[in-house]
């Protein structure tokens, strides 16, 4: 398995579609509202060769990853996460039901702030 991040314009459109399917929504928005809300965000496709795995969303120090269910638990490597996580500071929120991701974030230097929010760098006072 060789996962890559793709960020060309075509990959963005695929990433938006894959991310929409992969996200565990509390309330699923209309696809148009979803893409409009992400218009200022960098949206990259996470792919194994050409097979979509998920989407990576970044805006400044905030980032989120949505992974298709069949890839969950087998996609994250330290090297890939270093490419995904913004530096020198980062913030993300772990979706309820995915609390195990918090442990991974803590091993990468993040601190839990409550309500599923994890920060690293200047935002958490380090």
N, C-alpha and C. Protein backbone atom coordinates (compact mmCIF):
# COMPACT_ATOMS: atom_id res chain seq x y z
N UNK A 1 0.85 -1.18 0.00
CA UNK A 1 0.00 0.00 0.00
C UNK A 1 0.89 1.24 0.00
N UNK A 2 0.67 2.10 -0.97
CA UNK A 2 1.41 3.35 -1.07
C UNK A 2 0.41 4.49 -1.13
N UNK A 3 0.16 5.12 0.01
CA UNK A 3 -0.81 6.21 0.05
C UNK A 3 -0.15 7.52 -0.33
N UNK A 4 -0.90 8.33 -1.09
CA UNK A 4 -0.40 9.63 -1.52
C UNK A 4 -1.47 10.68 -1.31
N UNK A 5 -1.02 11.92 -1.19
CA UNK A 5 -1.93 13.07 -1.15
C UNK A 5 -1.90 13.74 -2.51
N UNK A 6 -3.06 13.92 -3.11
CA UNK A 6 -3.16 14.55 -4.42
C UNK A 6 -3.92 15.86 -4.26
N UNK A 7 -3.40 16.93 -4.89
CA UNK A 7 -4.06 18.22 -4.70
C UNK A 7 -4.27 19.01 -5.99
N UNK A 8 -4.28 18.33 -7.13
CA UNK A 8 -4.58 19.04 -8.37
C UNK A 8 -6.09 19.30 -8.44
N UNK A 9 -6.56 20.20 -9.33
CA UNK A 9 -7.99 20.55 -9.37
C UNK A 9 -8.93 19.35 -9.53
N UNK A 10 -8.58 18.39 -10.38
CA UNK A 10 -9.41 17.19 -10.53
C UNK A 10 -9.46 16.37 -9.27
N UNK A 11 -8.32 16.27 -8.59
CA UNK A 11 -8.26 15.51 -7.34
C UNK A 11 -9.12 16.19 -6.27
N UNK A 12 -9.18 17.52 -6.27
CA UNK A 12 -10.02 18.23 -5.29
C UNK A 12 -11.48 17.82 -5.45
N UNK A 13 -11.97 17.77 -6.68
CA UNK A 13 -13.37 17.40 -6.90
C UNK A 13 -13.63 15.97 -6.43
N UNK A 14 -12.72 15.07 -6.73
CA UNK A 14 -12.85 13.69 -6.26
C UNK A 14 -12.79 13.64 -4.75
N UNK A 15 -11.86 14.40 -4.16
CA UNK A 15 -11.72 14.43 -2.69
C UNK A 15 -12.99 14.94 -2.04
N UNK A 16 -13.61 15.95 -2.61
CA UNK A 16 -14.87 16.46 -2.06
C UNK A 16 -15.94 15.38 -2.07
N UNK A 17 -16.07 14.65 -3.18
CA UNK A 17 -17.08 13.58 -3.26
C UNK A 17 -16.78 12.46 -2.28
N UNK A 18 -15.50 12.03 -2.22
CA UNK A 18 -15.11 10.95 -1.33
C UNK A 18 -15.27 11.38 0.13
N UNK A 19 -14.84 12.59 0.44
CA UNK A 19 -14.97 13.10 1.81
C UNK A 19 -16.41 13.20 2.26
N UNK A 20 -17.29 13.59 1.35
CA UNK A 20 -18.73 13.68 1.67
C UNK A 20 -19.27 12.30 2.02
N UNK A 21 -18.88 11.29 1.25
CA UNK A 21 -19.31 9.91 1.54
C UNK A 21 -18.67 9.37 2.81
N UNK A 22 -17.41 9.74 3.06
CA UNK A 22 -16.65 9.15 4.17
C UNK A 22 -16.96 9.76 5.53
N UNK A 23 -17.48 10.97 5.56
CA UNK A 23 -17.72 11.65 6.83
C UNK A 23 -18.91 11.04 7.57
N UNK A 24 -18.73 10.82 8.87
CA UNK A 24 -19.82 10.35 9.73
C UNK A 24 -20.58 11.58 10.21
N UNK A 25 -21.62 11.94 9.50
CA UNK A 25 -22.38 13.16 9.78
C UNK A 25 -23.36 12.96 10.92
N UNK A 26 -23.50 13.97 11.80
CA UNK A 26 -24.62 14.00 12.73
C UNK A 26 -25.87 14.35 11.95
N UNK A 27 -25.75 15.35 11.09
CA UNK A 27 -26.81 15.74 10.15
C UNK A 27 -26.15 16.00 8.81
N UNK A 28 -26.47 15.18 7.82
CA UNK A 28 -25.82 15.30 6.50
C UNK A 28 -26.32 16.55 5.79
N UNK A 29 -25.38 17.46 5.44
CA UNK A 29 -25.79 18.66 4.69
C UNK A 29 -26.03 18.31 3.22
N UNK A 30 -26.69 19.19 2.53
CA UNK A 30 -26.82 19.11 1.08
C UNK A 30 -25.41 19.20 0.49
N UNK A 31 -25.13 18.44 -0.57
CA UNK A 31 -23.79 18.43 -1.16
C UNK A 31 -23.34 19.83 -1.58
N UNK A 32 -24.24 20.62 -2.12
CA UNK A 32 -23.90 21.99 -2.52
C UNK A 32 -23.49 22.84 -1.34
N UNK A 33 -24.20 22.71 -0.22
CA UNK A 33 -23.84 23.46 0.99
C UNK A 33 -22.49 23.00 1.53
N UNK A 34 -22.23 21.71 1.45
CA UNK A 34 -20.96 21.13 1.88
C UNK A 34 -19.80 21.72 1.07
N UNK A 35 -19.93 21.71 -0.26
CA UNK A 35 -18.83 22.22 -1.09
C UNK A 35 -18.67 23.73 -0.92
N UNK A 36 -19.77 24.44 -0.73
CA UNK A 36 -19.68 25.89 -0.51
C UNK A 36 -18.97 26.19 0.81
N UNK A 37 -19.28 25.43 1.85
CA UNK A 37 -18.64 25.64 3.16
C UNK A 37 -17.13 25.38 3.09
N UNK A 38 -16.70 24.57 2.14
CA UNK A 38 -15.28 24.23 2.01
C UNK A 38 -14.57 25.02 0.92
N UNK A 39 -15.20 26.05 0.38
CA UNK A 39 -14.61 26.77 -0.75
C UNK A 39 -13.25 27.39 -0.42
N UNK A 40 -13.03 27.81 0.81
CA UNK A 40 -11.75 28.43 1.19
C UNK A 40 -10.72 27.40 1.70
N UNK A 41 -11.15 26.17 1.88
CA UNK A 41 -10.28 25.13 2.43
C UNK A 41 -9.45 24.46 1.34
N UNK A 42 -8.24 24.01 1.71
CA UNK A 42 -7.49 23.09 0.87
C UNK A 42 -8.12 21.72 1.08
N UNK A 43 -8.50 21.06 -0.01
CA UNK A 43 -9.09 19.72 0.07
C UNK A 43 -8.27 18.82 -0.83
N UNK A 44 -7.56 17.87 -0.20
CA UNK A 44 -6.68 16.97 -0.95
C UNK A 44 -7.22 15.55 -0.90
N UNK A 45 -6.99 14.82 -1.96
CA UNK A 45 -7.41 13.43 -2.05
C UNK A 45 -6.35 12.53 -1.44
N UNK A 46 -6.75 11.66 -0.57
CA UNK A 46 -5.89 10.62 -0.02
C UNK A 46 -6.18 9.37 -0.85
N UNK A 47 -5.16 8.85 -1.53
CA UNK A 47 -5.38 7.74 -2.46
C UNK A 47 -4.29 6.69 -2.35
N UNK A 48 -4.69 5.44 -2.58
CA UNK A 48 -3.77 4.32 -2.70
C UNK A 48 -3.68 4.03 -4.19
N UNK A 49 -2.54 4.36 -4.78
CA UNK A 49 -2.40 4.37 -6.23
C UNK A 49 -3.48 5.29 -6.76
N UNK A 50 -4.50 4.78 -7.45
CA UNK A 50 -5.58 5.64 -7.95
C UNK A 50 -6.88 5.42 -7.17
N UNK A 51 -6.88 4.50 -6.21
CA UNK A 51 -8.10 4.21 -5.45
C UNK A 51 -8.29 5.24 -4.33
N UNK A 52 -9.41 5.96 -4.33
CA UNK A 52 -9.66 6.93 -3.26
C UNK A 52 -9.77 6.25 -1.90
N UNK A 53 -9.14 6.85 -0.91
CA UNK A 53 -9.16 6.37 0.46
C UNK A 53 -9.92 7.35 1.35
N UNK A 54 -9.76 8.64 1.09
CA UNK A 54 -10.41 9.66 1.91
C UNK A 54 -10.04 11.05 1.44
N UNK A 55 -10.34 12.02 2.30
CA UNK A 55 -10.07 13.42 2.00
C UNK A 55 -9.41 14.08 3.19
N UNK A 56 -8.52 15.02 2.91
CA UNK A 56 -7.83 15.80 3.93
C UNK A 56 -8.21 17.26 3.72
N UNK A 57 -8.75 17.88 4.77
CA UNK A 57 -9.20 19.27 4.72
C UNK A 57 -8.27 20.11 5.58
N UNK A 58 -7.78 21.24 5.07
CA UNK A 58 -6.89 22.11 5.83
C UNK A 58 -7.26 23.57 5.58
N UNK A 59 -7.32 24.33 6.67
CA UNK A 59 -7.50 25.78 6.60
C UNK A 59 -6.66 26.38 7.71
N UNK A 60 -5.52 26.97 7.34
CA UNK A 60 -4.59 27.48 8.35
C UNK A 60 -4.09 26.34 9.21
N UNK A 61 -4.26 26.45 10.53
CA UNK A 61 -3.78 25.41 11.44
C UNK A 61 -4.82 24.32 11.69
N UNK A 62 -6.03 24.50 11.16
CA UNK A 62 -7.09 23.50 11.37
C UNK A 62 -7.04 22.45 10.27
N UNK A 63 -7.18 21.19 10.68
CA UNK A 63 -7.21 20.12 9.69
C UNK A 63 -8.19 19.03 10.13
N UNK A 64 -8.70 18.31 9.14
CA UNK A 64 -9.60 17.19 9.38
C UNK A 64 -9.34 16.14 8.32
N UNK A 65 -9.59 14.89 8.66
CA UNK A 65 -9.41 13.78 7.73
C UNK A 65 -10.68 12.94 7.75
N UNK A 66 -11.24 12.66 6.58
CA UNK A 66 -12.38 11.75 6.44
C UNK A 66 -11.91 10.56 5.63
N UNK A 67 -12.07 9.36 6.19
CA UNK A 67 -11.58 8.14 5.55
C UNK A 67 -12.75 7.20 5.31
N UNK A 68 -12.80 6.61 4.12
CA UNK A 68 -13.85 5.65 3.80
C UNK A 68 -13.81 4.49 4.79
N UNK A 69 -14.97 3.97 5.18
CA UNK A 69 -15.03 2.92 6.21
C UNK A 69 -14.10 1.74 5.95
N UNK A 70 -13.98 1.30 4.71
CA UNK A 70 -13.15 0.12 4.42
C UNK A 70 -11.66 0.38 4.61
N UNK A 71 -11.25 1.64 4.75
CA UNK A 71 -9.85 1.99 4.96
C UNK A 71 -9.54 2.38 6.40
N UNK A 72 -10.54 2.52 7.21
CA UNK A 72 -10.31 2.97 8.59
C UNK A 72 -9.47 1.96 9.35
N UNK A 73 -8.52 2.49 10.12
CA UNK A 73 -7.65 1.64 10.92
C UNK A 73 -6.46 1.08 10.17
N UNK A 74 -6.31 1.41 8.88
CA UNK A 74 -5.17 0.86 8.14
C UNK A 74 -4.52 1.84 7.19
N UNK A 75 -4.82 3.11 7.32
CA UNK A 75 -4.27 4.09 6.38
C UNK A 75 -3.17 4.96 6.97
N UNK A 76 -3.20 5.21 8.28
CA UNK A 76 -2.33 6.22 8.89
C UNK A 76 -0.91 5.69 9.13
N UNK A 77 0.06 6.40 8.59
CA UNK A 77 1.46 6.15 8.91
C UNK A 77 2.04 7.46 9.43
N UNK A 78 3.07 7.36 10.23
CA UNK A 78 3.68 8.57 10.79
C UNK A 78 4.14 9.52 9.68
N UNK A 79 4.76 8.99 8.63
CA UNK A 79 5.22 9.84 7.53
C UNK A 79 4.09 10.56 6.83
N UNK A 80 3.00 9.86 6.59
CA UNK A 80 1.85 10.48 5.94
C UNK A 80 1.21 11.52 6.85
N UNK A 81 1.10 11.22 8.12
CA UNK A 81 0.52 12.19 9.06
C UNK A 81 1.36 13.46 9.13
N UNK A 82 2.68 13.33 9.02
CA UNK A 82 3.53 14.52 9.02
C UNK A 82 3.24 15.41 7.82
N UNK A 83 2.83 14.81 6.70
CA UNK A 83 2.47 15.59 5.52
C UNK A 83 1.09 16.25 5.69
N UNK A 84 0.23 15.65 6.49
CA UNK A 84 -1.14 16.13 6.67
C UNK A 84 -1.23 17.22 7.73
N UNK A 85 -0.55 17.03 8.86
CA UNK A 85 -0.72 17.90 10.02
C UNK A 85 0.02 19.23 9.80
N UNK A 86 -0.70 20.35 9.88
CA UNK A 86 -0.05 21.66 9.72
C UNK A 86 1.01 21.91 10.80
N UNK A 87 2.04 22.65 10.45
CA UNK A 87 3.10 23.05 11.38
C UNK A 87 3.18 24.57 11.38
N UNK A 88 3.58 25.22 12.43
CA UNK A 88 4.05 24.70 13.71
C UNK A 88 2.93 24.41 14.71
N UNK A 89 1.69 24.79 14.38
CA UNK A 89 0.59 24.49 15.28
C UNK A 89 -0.55 23.87 14.49
N UNK A 90 -1.37 23.10 15.20
CA UNK A 90 -2.47 22.40 14.54
C UNK A 90 -3.61 22.20 15.51
N UNK A 91 -4.81 22.14 14.96
CA UNK A 91 -6.01 21.88 15.75
C UNK A 91 -6.95 21.01 14.92
N UNK A 92 -7.60 20.06 15.58
CA UNK A 92 -8.59 19.21 14.92
C UNK A 92 -9.61 18.76 15.96
N UNK A 93 -10.68 18.16 15.48
CA UNK A 93 -11.72 17.65 16.38
C UNK A 93 -11.97 16.20 15.99
N UNK A 94 -11.98 15.33 17.00
CA UNK A 94 -12.24 13.92 16.79
C UNK A 94 -13.75 13.69 16.90
N UNK A 95 -14.31 13.08 15.87
CA UNK A 95 -15.74 12.81 15.82
C UNK A 95 -16.12 11.74 16.85
N UNK A 96 -17.23 11.93 17.56
CA UNK A 96 -17.69 10.88 18.49
C UNK A 96 -17.77 9.54 17.76
N UNK A 97 -17.32 8.50 18.46
CA UNK A 97 -17.26 7.18 17.87
C UNK A 97 -15.88 6.83 17.34
N UNK A 98 -15.01 7.83 17.28
CA UNK A 98 -13.64 7.63 16.78
C UNK A 98 -12.62 8.06 17.83
N UNK A 99 -12.97 7.87 19.10
CA UNK A 99 -12.12 8.33 20.20
C UNK A 99 -10.72 7.72 20.16
N UNK A 100 -10.57 6.54 19.57
CA UNK A 100 -9.24 5.92 19.46
C UNK A 100 -8.26 6.82 18.70
N UNK A 101 -8.77 7.69 17.84
CA UNK A 101 -7.91 8.61 17.09
C UNK A 101 -7.24 9.60 18.05
N UNK A 102 -7.91 9.92 19.16
CA UNK A 102 -7.32 10.81 20.16
C UNK A 102 -6.01 10.26 20.70
N UNK A 103 -5.95 8.96 20.92
CA UNK A 103 -4.70 8.34 21.39
C UNK A 103 -3.59 8.49 20.37
N UNK A 104 -3.91 8.32 19.11
CA UNK A 104 -2.93 8.52 18.05
C UNK A 104 -2.43 9.96 18.03
N UNK A 105 -3.37 10.90 18.14
CA UNK A 105 -2.98 12.32 18.16
C UNK A 105 -2.09 12.63 19.35
N UNK A 106 -2.42 12.08 20.51
CA UNK A 106 -1.59 12.32 21.71
C UNK A 106 -0.18 11.77 21.52
N UNK A 107 -0.05 10.61 20.86
CA UNK A 107 1.29 10.06 20.59
C UNK A 107 2.07 10.95 19.63
N UNK A 108 1.36 11.76 18.86
CA UNK A 108 2.00 12.69 17.93
C UNK A 108 2.23 14.07 18.54
N UNK A 109 1.96 14.21 19.85
CA UNK A 109 2.24 15.46 20.53
C UNK A 109 1.06 16.38 20.74
N UNK A 110 -0.14 15.94 20.40
CA UNK A 110 -1.34 16.75 20.61
C UNK A 110 -1.80 16.65 22.06
N UNK A 111 -2.53 17.66 22.51
CA UNK A 111 -3.13 17.65 23.84
C UNK A 111 -4.64 17.77 23.69
N UNK A 112 -5.36 16.94 24.47
CA UNK A 112 -6.82 17.00 24.47
C UNK A 112 -7.26 18.27 25.18
N UNK A 113 -8.19 19.00 24.57
CA UNK A 113 -8.70 20.25 25.14
C UNK A 113 -10.14 20.10 25.63
N UNK A 114 -10.75 18.94 25.43
CA UNK A 114 -12.14 18.71 25.78
C UNK A 114 -13.03 18.80 24.56
N UNK A 115 -14.20 18.17 24.63
CA UNK A 115 -15.19 18.16 23.55
C UNK A 115 -14.59 17.64 22.24
N UNK A 116 -13.63 16.72 22.33
CA UNK A 116 -13.05 16.11 21.13
C UNK A 116 -12.02 16.95 20.42
N UNK A 117 -11.67 18.12 20.98
CA UNK A 117 -10.71 19.02 20.33
C UNK A 117 -9.29 18.69 20.79
N UNK A 118 -8.37 18.63 19.82
CA UNK A 118 -6.96 18.36 20.10
C UNK A 118 -6.12 19.46 19.45
N UNK A 119 -5.12 19.93 20.20
CA UNK A 119 -4.24 20.98 19.69
C UNK A 119 -2.78 20.59 19.86
N UNK A 120 -1.95 21.19 19.02
CA UNK A 120 -0.51 20.98 19.09
C UNK A 120 0.16 22.30 18.75
N UNK A 121 1.20 22.64 19.49
CA UNK A 121 1.95 23.86 19.21
C UNK A 121 1.43 25.04 20.00
N UNK A 122 1.53 26.22 19.43
CA UNK A 122 1.22 27.47 20.13
C UNK A 122 -0.21 27.52 20.66
N UNK A 123 -1.16 26.88 19.99
CA UNK A 123 -2.55 26.93 20.44
C UNK A 123 -2.76 26.26 21.79
N UNK A 124 -1.91 25.28 22.12
CA UNK A 124 -2.08 24.62 23.41
C UNK A 124 -1.07 25.11 24.44
N UNK A 125 -0.38 26.19 24.12
CA UNK A 125 0.54 26.80 25.06
C UNK A 125 1.94 26.24 25.03
N UNK A 126 2.23 25.25 24.16
CA UNK A 126 3.58 24.69 24.06
C UNK A 126 4.48 25.59 23.25
